[in-house]
Amino acid sequence: MLTVRLTMKMCAALPQLAGAALVLVDGMPSSLNLINPVGLESVTVLKNAASAAIYGARGAFGVILVTTKKGGKDQKEKITYSGGLRFNRPTFLPDVLNTKQHSWPILQA
Protein backbone atom coordinates (compact mmCIF):
# COMPACT_ATOMS: atom_id res chain seq x y z
CA MET A 1 0.00 0.00 0.00
CA LEU A 2 2.87 2.38 0.68
CA THR A 3 4.31 1.65 -2.76
CA VAL A 4 1.01 2.53 -4.46
CA ARG A 5 0.82 5.87 -2.68
CA LEU A 6 4.44 6.63 -3.54
CA THR A 7 3.85 5.78 -7.20
CA MET A 8 0.73 7.93 -7.38
CA LYS A 9 2.53 10.88 -5.81
CA MET A 10 5.42 10.53 -8.25
CA CYS A 11 3.07 10.51 -11.27
CA ALA A 12 1.20 13.53 -9.93
CA ALA A 13 4.39 15.43 -9.12
CA LEU A 14 6.12 14.61 -12.42
CA PRO A 15 3.52 14.61 -15.19
CA GLN A 16 6.30 14.23 -17.78
CA LEU A 17 6.79 10.65 -16.59
CA ALA A 18 3.14 9.89 -17.28
CA GLY A 19 3.38 10.95 -20.94
CA ALA A 20 1.89 14.44 -20.64
CA ALA A 21 3.06 17.52 -22.50
CA LEU A 22 5.20 20.09 -20.73
CA VAL A 23 3.14 23.24 -20.09
CA LEU A 24 5.03 26.53 -19.77
CA VAL A 25 3.09 29.63 -18.73
CA ASP A 26 5.18 32.74 -19.37
CA GLY A 27 8.27 30.52 -19.32
CA MET A 28 7.47 28.78 -16.01
CA PRO A 29 6.20 25.16 -15.69
CA SER A 30 2.56 25.17 -14.68
CA SER A 31 -0.81 23.52 -15.35
CA LEU A 32 -3.48 24.49 -17.85
CA ASN A 33 -6.09 24.09 -15.08
CA LEU A 34 -4.66 27.11 -13.23
CA ILE A 35 -5.02 29.58 -16.10
CA ASN A 36 -7.90 32.00 -16.54
CA PRO A 37 -8.95 31.80 -20.22
CA VAL A 38 -9.74 35.53 -20.27
CA GLY A 39 -6.09 36.37 -19.56
CA LEU A 40 -4.64 34.39 -22.48
CA GLU A 41 -2.72 36.20 -25.17
CA SER A 42 -1.40 33.25 -27.19
CA VAL A 43 -1.00 29.47 -27.06
CA THR A 44 1.70 27.70 -29.07
CA VAL A 45 2.09 23.93 -29.37
CA LEU A 46 5.52 22.46 -30.16
CA LYS A 47 5.48 18.86 -31.28
CA ASN A 48 8.04 16.07 -30.79
CA ALA A 49 11.21 17.01 -32.68
CA ALA A 50 11.04 20.76 -32.12
CA SER A 51 10.23 20.48 -28.42
CA ALA A 52 12.81 17.76 -27.79
CA ALA A 53 15.52 19.88 -29.45
CA ILE A 54 14.76 22.91 -27.25
CA TYR A 55 13.57 21.41 -23.94
CA GLY A 56 15.33 18.02 -24.01
CA ALA A 57 13.78 15.08 -22.17
CA ARG A 58 11.14 17.24 -20.50
CA GLY A 59 9.70 18.11 -23.91
CA ALA A 60 9.66 14.55 -25.25
CA PHE A 61 5.84 14.45 -25.29
CA GLY A 62 5.47 17.98 -26.66
CA VAL A 63 5.45 21.47 -25.17
CA ILE A 64 2.56 23.90 -24.78
CA LEU A 65 3.73 27.52 -24.54
CA VAL A 66 1.14 29.86 -23.01
CA THR A 67 1.57 33.63 -22.98
CA THR A 68 -0.71 35.71 -20.76
CA LYS A 69 -1.75 39.31 -21.25
CA LYS A 70 0.41 41.97 -19.65
CA GLY A 71 -0.48 45.55 -18.84
CA GLY A 72 1.49 48.49 -20.14
CA LYS A 73 3.02 51.28 -18.09
CA ASP A 74 0.59 53.86 -19.48
CA GLN A 75 -2.49 51.71 -18.84
CA LYS A 76 -4.71 52.04 -15.77
CA GLU A 77 -5.37 49.07 -13.53
CA LYS A 78 -8.47 47.12 -14.44
CA ILE A 79 -10.18 44.53 -12.27
CA THR A 80 -12.69 42.18 -13.82
CA TYR A 81 -15.02 40.02 -11.77
CA SER A 82 -17.36 37.32 -12.97
CA GLY A 83 -19.48 35.37 -10.56
CA GLY A 84 -22.75 33.61 -10.07
CA LEU A 85 -25.44 33.11 -7.46
CA ARG A 86 -27.34 29.91 -6.79
CA PHE A 87 -30.08 28.99 -4.36
CA ASN A 88 -30.24 25.54 -2.84
CA ARG A 89 -33.89 25.75 -1.77
CA PRO A 90 -36.82 25.67 -4.18
CA THR A 91 -38.96 28.80 -4.37
CA PHE A 92 -42.21 26.82 -4.54
CA LEU A 93 -43.13 23.37 -3.22
CA PRO A 94 -46.32 21.91 -4.68
CA ASP A 95 -48.71 19.91 -2.51
CA VAL A 96 -48.27 16.22 -3.19
CA LEU A 97 -50.65 13.31 -2.64
CA ASN A 98 -49.97 10.61 -0.11
CA THR A 99 -50.32 6.91 -1.00
CA LYS A 100 -54.00 6.67 0.00
CA GLN A 101 -55.02 9.77 -1.99
CA HIS A 102 -53.06 8.60 -5.03
CA SER A 103 -54.46 5.06 -5.07
CA TRP A 104 -58.13 6.00 -4.41
CA PRO A 105 -59.02 6.89 -8.07
CA ILE A 106 -57.24 3.78 -9.32
CA LEU A 107 -59.19 1.54 -6.93
CA GLN A 108 -62.50 3.17 -7.93
CA ALA A 109 -62.00 2.31 -11.60
C-alpha atoms as a PDB file:
ATOM      1  CA  MET A   1       0.000   0.000   0.000  1.00  0.00           C
ATOM      2  CA  LEU A   2       2.872   2.384   0.679  1.00  0.00           C
ATOM      3  CA  THR A   3       4.312   1.648  -2.757  1.00  0.00           C
ATOM      4  CA  VAL A   4       1.012   2.527  -4.458  1.00  0.00           C
ATOM      5  CA  ARG A   5       0.821   5.872  -2.676  1.00  0.00           C
ATOM      6  CA  LEU A   6       4.436   6.630  -3.540  1.00  0.00           C
ATOM      7  CA  THR A   7       3.853   5.779  -7.200  1.00  0.00           C
ATOM      8  CA  MET A   8       0.727   7.933  -7.379  1.00  0.00           C
ATOM      9  CA  LYS A   9       2.532  10.882  -5.814  1.00  0.00           C
ATOM     10  CA  MET A  10       5.416  10.530  -8.251  1.00  0.00           C
ATOM     11  CA  CYS A  11       3.072  10.511 -11.270  1.00  0.00           C
ATOM     12  CA  ALA A  12       1.196  13.527  -9.934  1.00  0.00           C
ATOM     13  CA  ALA A  13       4.392  15.431  -9.123  1.00  0.00           C
ATOM     14  CA  LEU A  14       6.119  14.607 -12.417  1.00  0.00           C
ATOM     15  CA  PRO A  15       3.520  14.614 -15.189  1.00  0.00           C
ATOM     16  CA  GLN A  16       6.297  14.233 -17.784  1.00  0.00           C
ATOM     17  CA  LEU A  17       6.794  10.653 -16.590  1.00  0.00           C
ATOM     18  CA  ALA A  18       3.143   9.891 -17.284  1.00  0.00           C
ATOM     19  CA  GLY A  19       3.379  10.954 -20.936  1.00  0.00           C
ATOM     20  CA  ALA A  20       1.891  14.441 -20.639  1.00  0.00           C
ATOM     21  CA  ALA A  21       3.057  17.522 -22.505  1.00  0.00           C
ATOM     22  CA  LEU A  22       5.201  20.090 -20.731  1.00  0.00           C
ATOM     23  CA  VAL A  23       3.137  23.242 -20.086  1.00  0.00           C
ATOM     24  CA  LEU A  24       5.029  26.532 -19.770  1.00  0.00           C
ATOM     25  CA  VAL A  25       3.085  29.627 -18.734  1.00  0.00           C
ATOM     26  CA  ASP A  26       5.184  32.736 -19.374  1.00  0.00           C
ATOM     27  CA  GLY A  27       8.271  30.522 -19.315  1.00  0.00           C
ATOM     28  CA  MET A  28       7.472  28.779 -16.013  1.00  0.00           C
ATOM     29  CA  PRO A  29       6.200  25.160 -15.688  1.00  0.00           C
ATOM     30  CA  SER A  30       2.556  25.167 -14.683  1.00  0.00           C
ATOM     31  CA  SER A  31      -0.814  23.518 -15.347  1.00  0.00           C
ATOM     32  CA  LEU A  32      -3.485  24.491 -17.851  1.00  0.00           C
ATOM     33  CA  ASN A  33      -6.086  24.093 -15.084  1.00  0.00           C
ATOM     34  CA  LEU A  34      -4.660  27.106 -13.229  1.00  0.00           C
ATOM     35  CA  ILE A  35      -5.015  29.579 -16.096  1.00  0.00           C
ATOM     36  CA  ASN A  36      -7.898  32.005 -16.543  1.00  0.00           C
ATOM     37  CA  PRO A  37      -8.949  31.798 -20.220  1.00  0.00           C
ATOM     38  CA  VAL A  38      -9.742  35.526 -20.274  1.00  0.00           C
ATOM     39  CA  GLY A  39      -6.093  36.371 -19.563  1.00  0.00           C
ATOM     40  CA  LEU A  40      -4.644  34.391 -22.482  1.00  0.00           C
ATOM     41  CA  GLU A  41      -2.720  36.205 -25.171  1.00  0.00           C
ATOM     42  CA  SER A  42      -1.404  33.251 -27.193  1.00  0.00           C
ATOM     43  CA  VAL A  43      -1.004  29.474 -27.059  1.00  0.00           C
ATOM     44  CA  THR A  44       1.697  27.698 -29.066  1.00  0.00           C
ATOM     45  CA  VAL A  45       2.091  23.929 -29.371  1.00  0.00           C
ATOM     46  CA  LEU A  46       5.521  22.459 -30.157  1.00  0.00           C
ATOM     47  CA  LYS A  47       5.480  18.857 -31.283  1.00  0.00           C
ATOM     48  CA  ASN A  48       8.039  16.071 -30.787  1.00  0.00           C
ATOM     49  CA  ALA A  49      11.210  17.013 -32.684  1.00  0.00           C
ATOM     50  CA  ALA A  50      11.038  20.765 -32.120  1.00  0.00           C
ATOM     51  CA  SER A  51      10.230  20.478 -28.423  1.00  0.00           C
ATOM     52  CA  ALA A  52      12.813  17.761 -27.791  1.00  0.00           C
ATOM     53  CA  ALA A  53      15.517  19.881 -29.447  1.00  0.00           C
ATOM     54  CA  ILE A  54      14.763  22.912 -27.248  1.00  0.00           C
ATOM     55  CA  TYR A  55      13.569  21.406 -23.942  1.00  0.00           C
ATOM     56  CA  GLY A  56      15.330  18.021 -24.006  1.00  0.00           C
ATOM     57  CA  ALA A  57      13.784  15.080 -22.174  1.00  0.00           C
ATOM     58  CA  ARG A  58      11.137  17.241 -20.496  1.00  0.00           C
ATOM     59  CA  GLY A  59       9.701  18.106 -23.914  1.00  0.00           C
ATOM     60  CA  ALA A  60       9.662  14.549 -25.248  1.00  0.00           C
ATOM     61  CA  PHE A  61       5.841  14.450 -25.286  1.00  0.00           C
ATOM     62  CA  GLY A  62       5.470  17.981 -26.655  1.00  0.00           C
ATOM     63  CA  VAL A  63       5.446  21.474 -25.169  1.00  0.00           C
ATOM     64  CA  ILE A  64       2.557  23.897 -24.782  1.00  0.00           C
ATOM     65  CA  LEU A  65       3.727  27.520 -24.545  1.00  0.00           C
ATOM     66  CA  VAL A  66       1.144  29.861 -23.014  1.00  0.00           C
ATOM     67  CA  THR A  67       1.575  33.632 -22.979  1.00  0.00           C
ATOM     68  CA  THR A  68      -0.708  35.707 -20.759  1.00  0.00           C
ATOM     69  CA  LYS A  69      -1.748  39.309 -21.248  1.00  0.00           C
ATOM     70  CA  LYS A  70       0.412  41.975 -19.646  1.00  0.00           C
ATOM     71  CA  GLY A  71      -0.476  45.546 -18.838  1.00  0.00           C
ATOM     72  CA  GLY A  72       1.490  48.488 -20.141  1.00  0.00           C
ATOM     73  CA  LYS A  73       3.021  51.279 -18.089  1.00  0.00           C
ATOM     74  CA  ASP A  74       0.595  53.858 -19.475  1.00  0.00           C
ATOM     75  CA  GLN A  75      -2.493  51.711 -18.836  1.00  0.00           C
ATOM     76  CA  LYS A  76      -4.706  52.045 -15.772  1.00  0.00           C
ATOM     77  CA  GLU A  77      -5.369  49.072 -13.531  1.00  0.00           C
ATOM     78  CA  LYS A  78      -8.466  47.115 -14.445  1.00  0.00           C
ATOM     79  CA  ILE A  79     -10.176  44.531 -12.269  1.00  0.00           C
ATOM     80  CA  THR A  80     -12.693  42.181 -13.820  1.00  0.00           C
ATOM     81  CA  TYR A  81     -15.021  40.018 -11.772  1.00  0.00           C
ATOM     82  CA  SER A  82     -17.359  37.322 -12.969  1.00  0.00           C
ATOM     83  CA  GLY A  83     -19.477  35.365 -10.556  1.00  0.00           C
ATOM     84  CA  GLY A  84     -22.755  33.614 -10.067  1.00  0.00           C
ATOM     85  CA  LEU A  85     -25.437  33.106  -7.463  1.00  0.00           C
ATOM     86  CA  ARG A  86     -27.344  29.907  -6.788  1.00  0.00           C
ATOM     87  CA  PHE A  87     -30.081  28.991  -4.362  1.00  0.00           C
ATOM     88  CA  ASN A  88     -30.244  25.535  -2.843  1.00  0.00           C
ATOM     89  CA  ARG A  89     -33.885  25.745  -1.766  1.00  0.00           C
ATOM     90  CA  PRO A  90     -36.823  25.668  -4.180  1.00  0.00           C
ATOM     91  CA  THR A  91     -38.956  28.797  -4.372  1.00  0.00           C
ATOM     92  CA  PHE A  92     -42.207  26.818  -4.544  1.00  0.00           C
ATOM     93  CA  LEU A  93     -43.129  23.374  -3.220  1.00  0.00           C
ATOM     94  CA  PRO A  94     -46.319  21.908  -4.678  1.00  0.00           C
ATOM     95  CA  ASP A  95     -48.705  19.909  -2.508  1.00  0.00           C
ATOM     96  CA  VAL A  96     -48.274  16.219  -3.185  1.00  0.00           C
ATOM     97  CA  LEU A  97     -50.654  13.306  -2.642  1.00  0.00           C
ATOM     98  CA  ASN A  98     -49.974  10.610  -0.106  1.00  0.00           C
ATOM     99  CA  THR A  99     -50.324   6.910  -0.998  1.00  0.00           C
ATOM    100  CA  LYS A 100     -53.997   6.670  -0.002  1.00  0.00           C
ATOM    101  CA  GLN A 101     -55.015   9.767  -1.993  1.00  0.00           C
ATOM    102  CA  HIS A 102     -53.061   8.600  -5.032  1.00  0.00           C
ATOM    103  CA  SER A 103     -54.460   5.060  -5.073  1.00  0.00           C
ATOM    104  CA  TRP A 104     -58.134   5.996  -4.413  1.00  0.00           C
ATOM    105  CA  PRO A 105     -59.015   6.889  -8.072  1.00  0.00           C
ATOM    106  CA  ILE A 106     -57.238   3.782  -9.322  1.00  0.00           C
ATOM    107  CA  LEU A 107     -59.188   1.537  -6.926  1.00  0.00           C
ATOM    108  CA  GLN A 108     -62.498   3.167  -7.927  1.00  0.00           C
ATOM    109  CA  ALA A 109     -61.998   2.306 -11.596  1.00  0.00           C
END
